[in-house]
C-alpha atoms as a PDB file:
ATOM      1  CA  MET A   1      -2.650 -45.576  53.726  1.00  0.00           C
ATOM      2  CA  THR A   2      -0.924 -42.203  54.083  1.00  0.00           C
ATOM      3  CA  TYR A   3       1.756 -43.193  51.541  1.00  0.00           C
ATOM      4  CA  LEU A   4      -0.937 -44.202  49.060  1.00  0.00           C
ATOM      5  CA  ALA A   5      -2.697 -40.827  49.457  1.00  0.00           C
ATOM      6  CA  ILE A   6       0.615 -38.984  48.977  1.00  0.00           C
ATOM      7  CA  ALA A   7       1.487 -41.042  45.893  1.00  0.00           C
ATOM      8  CA  LEU A   8      -1.961 -40.514  44.363  1.00  0.00           C
ATOM      9  CA  SER A   9      -1.851 -36.783  45.078  1.00  0.00           C
ATOM     10  CA  PHE A  10       1.593 -36.523  43.495  1.00  0.00           C
ATOM     11  CA  ALA A  11       0.511 -38.496  40.412  1.00  0.00           C
ATOM     12  CA  LEU A  12      -2.651 -36.438  40.006  1.00  0.00           C
ATOM     13  CA  GLY A  13      -0.718 -33.175  40.359  1.00  0.00           C
ATOM     14  CA  LEU A  14       1.844 -34.367  37.828  1.00  0.00           C
ATOM     15  CA  VAL A  15      -0.830 -35.307  35.280  1.00  0.00           C
ATOM     16  CA  ILE A  16      -2.664 -31.991  35.734  1.00  0.00           C
ATOM     17  CA  GLY A  17       0.592 -30.031  35.458  1.00  0.00           C
ATOM     18  CA  VAL A  18       1.632 -31.801  32.265  1.00  0.00           C
ATOM     19  CA  ARG A  19      -1.791 -31.198  30.697  1.00  0.00           C
ATOM     20  CA  LEU A  20      -1.838 -27.505  31.614  1.00  0.00           C
ATOM     21  CA  ASN A  21       1.728 -26.993  30.438  1.00  0.00           C
ATOM     22  CA  SER A  22       1.142 -28.628  27.064  1.00  0.00           C
ATOM     23  CA  ALA A  23      -2.135 -26.722  26.609  1.00  0.00           C
ATOM     24  CA  ALA A  24      -0.368 -23.410  27.252  1.00  0.00           C
ATOM     25  CA  PHE A  25       2.460 -24.311  24.863  1.00  0.00           C
ATOM     26  CA  ASP A  26       0.231 -25.659  22.086  1.00  0.00           C
ATOM     27  CA  GLY A  27      -2.187 -22.746  22.388  1.00  0.00           C
ATOM     28  CA  GLN A  28       0.419 -20.247  21.183  1.00  0.00           C
ATOM     29  CA  ASP A  29       0.801 -19.097  17.572  1.00  0.00           C
ATOM     30  CA  TRP A  30       4.272 -20.561  16.958  1.00  0.00           C
ATOM     31  CA  THR A  31       6.070 -19.948  13.660  1.00  0.00           C
ATOM     32  CA  LEU A  32       8.970 -22.027  12.346  1.00  0.00           C
ATOM     33  CA  MET A  33      11.684 -19.955  10.716  1.00  0.00           C
ATOM     34  CA  ARG A  34      14.709 -21.005   8.636  1.00  0.00           C
ATOM     35  CA  TRP A  35      17.973 -19.115   8.128  1.00  0.00           C
ATOM     36  CA  ASP A  36      18.200 -17.514   4.681  1.00  0.00           C
ATOM     37  CA  ASN A  37      21.754 -16.723   3.513  1.00  0.00           C
ATOM     38  CA  THR A  38      20.519 -14.437   0.731  1.00  0.00           C
ATOM     39  CA  MET A  39      19.115 -11.908   3.204  1.00  0.00           C
ATOM     40  CA  LEU A  40      21.163 -12.924   6.265  1.00  0.00           C
ATOM     41  CA  GLY A  41      18.130 -13.473   8.447  1.00  0.00           C
ATOM     42  CA  TYR A  42      15.402 -15.924   9.423  1.00  0.00           C
ATOM     43  CA  ARG A  43      12.307 -16.255   7.231  1.00  0.00           C
ATOM     44  CA  PRO A  44       9.046 -18.126   7.917  1.00  0.00           C
ATOM     45  CA  ILE A  45       8.941 -21.661   6.519  1.00  0.00           C
ATOM     46  CA  LYS A  46       6.078 -22.320   4.122  1.00  0.00           C
ATOM     47  CA  LEU A  47       3.890 -25.376   4.681  1.00  0.00           C
ATOM     48  CA  GLY A  48       5.041 -28.257   2.502  1.00  0.00           C
ATOM     49  CA  SER A  49       8.707 -27.212   2.582  1.00  0.00           C
ATOM     50  CA  THR A  50      11.364 -29.873   3.062  1.00  0.00           C
ATOM     51  CA  LEU A  51      13.571 -29.441   6.125  1.00  0.00           C
ATOM     52  CA  THR A  52      17.057 -30.933   6.222  1.00  0.00           C
ATOM     53  CA  LYS A  53      19.563 -31.624   8.990  1.00  0.00           C
ATOM     54  CA  THR A  54      21.735 -28.743   7.804  1.00  0.00           C
ATOM     55  CA  ASP A  55      18.956 -26.121   8.078  1.00  0.00           C
ATOM     56  CA  ARG A  56      19.181 -23.580  10.902  1.00  0.00           C
ATOM     57  CA  ILE A  57      15.642 -23.494  12.290  1.00  0.00           C
ATOM     58  CA  ILE A  58      14.115 -21.567  15.173  1.00  0.00           C
ATOM     59  CA  MET A  59      10.613 -21.329  16.622  1.00  0.00           C
ATOM     60  CA  SER A  60       9.290 -17.819  17.062  1.00  0.00           C
ATOM     61  CA  LEU A  61       6.362 -16.319  18.880  1.00  0.00           C
ATOM     62  CA  GLU A  62       5.057 -12.841  18.170  1.00  0.00           C
ATOM     63  CA  VAL A  63       4.765 -10.666  21.262  1.00  0.00           C
ATOM     64  CA  ASN A  64       1.758  -8.368  21.561  1.00  0.00           C
ATOM     65  CA  THR A  65       3.299  -4.963  22.263  1.00  0.00           C
ATOM     66  CA  SER A  66       0.048  -3.028  22.647  1.00  0.00           C
ATOM     67  CA  ALA A  67       0.328  -3.134  26.457  1.00  0.00           C
ATOM     68  CA  PHE A  68       3.892  -1.745  26.490  1.00  0.00           C
ATOM     69  CA  PRO A  69       4.364   1.735  27.962  1.00  0.00           C
ATOM     70  CA  LYS A  70       4.853   4.646  25.563  1.00  0.00           C
ATOM     71  CA  ASP A  71       8.599   4.822  26.298  1.00  0.00           C
ATOM     72  CA  GLY A  72       9.024   1.093  25.716  1.00  0.00           C
ATOM     73  CA  VAL A  73      10.360  -1.710  27.885  1.00  0.00           C
ATOM     74  CA  LYS A  74      14.040  -2.206  28.611  1.00  0.00           C
ATOM     75  CA  TYR A  75      15.195  -5.765  27.847  1.00  0.00           C
ATOM     76  CA  THR A  76      17.641  -6.989  30.516  1.00  0.00           C
ATOM     77  CA  ASN A  77      18.578 -10.225  32.221  1.00  0.00           C
ATOM     78  CA  GLU A  78      17.715  -8.843  35.656  1.00  0.00           C
ATOM     79  CA  GLU A  79      14.747 -10.310  37.472  1.00  0.00           C
END
């Protein structure tokens, strides 16, 4: 009986975690961007565009900087 309760708890936690994770990911305003050789940078992809295997594509997410301090935030790999 104990093993059944543990297995059910694990399964329920897994299902809830997957749902919350996908909701957080899908709730963001993601933008697909493609590399543009004419300007040497990524540009947003318009709806209806055709994507090929040779395209360099990234997903981007705009960061709200209104809460940043006046002097800015230093970007490092330290935790």
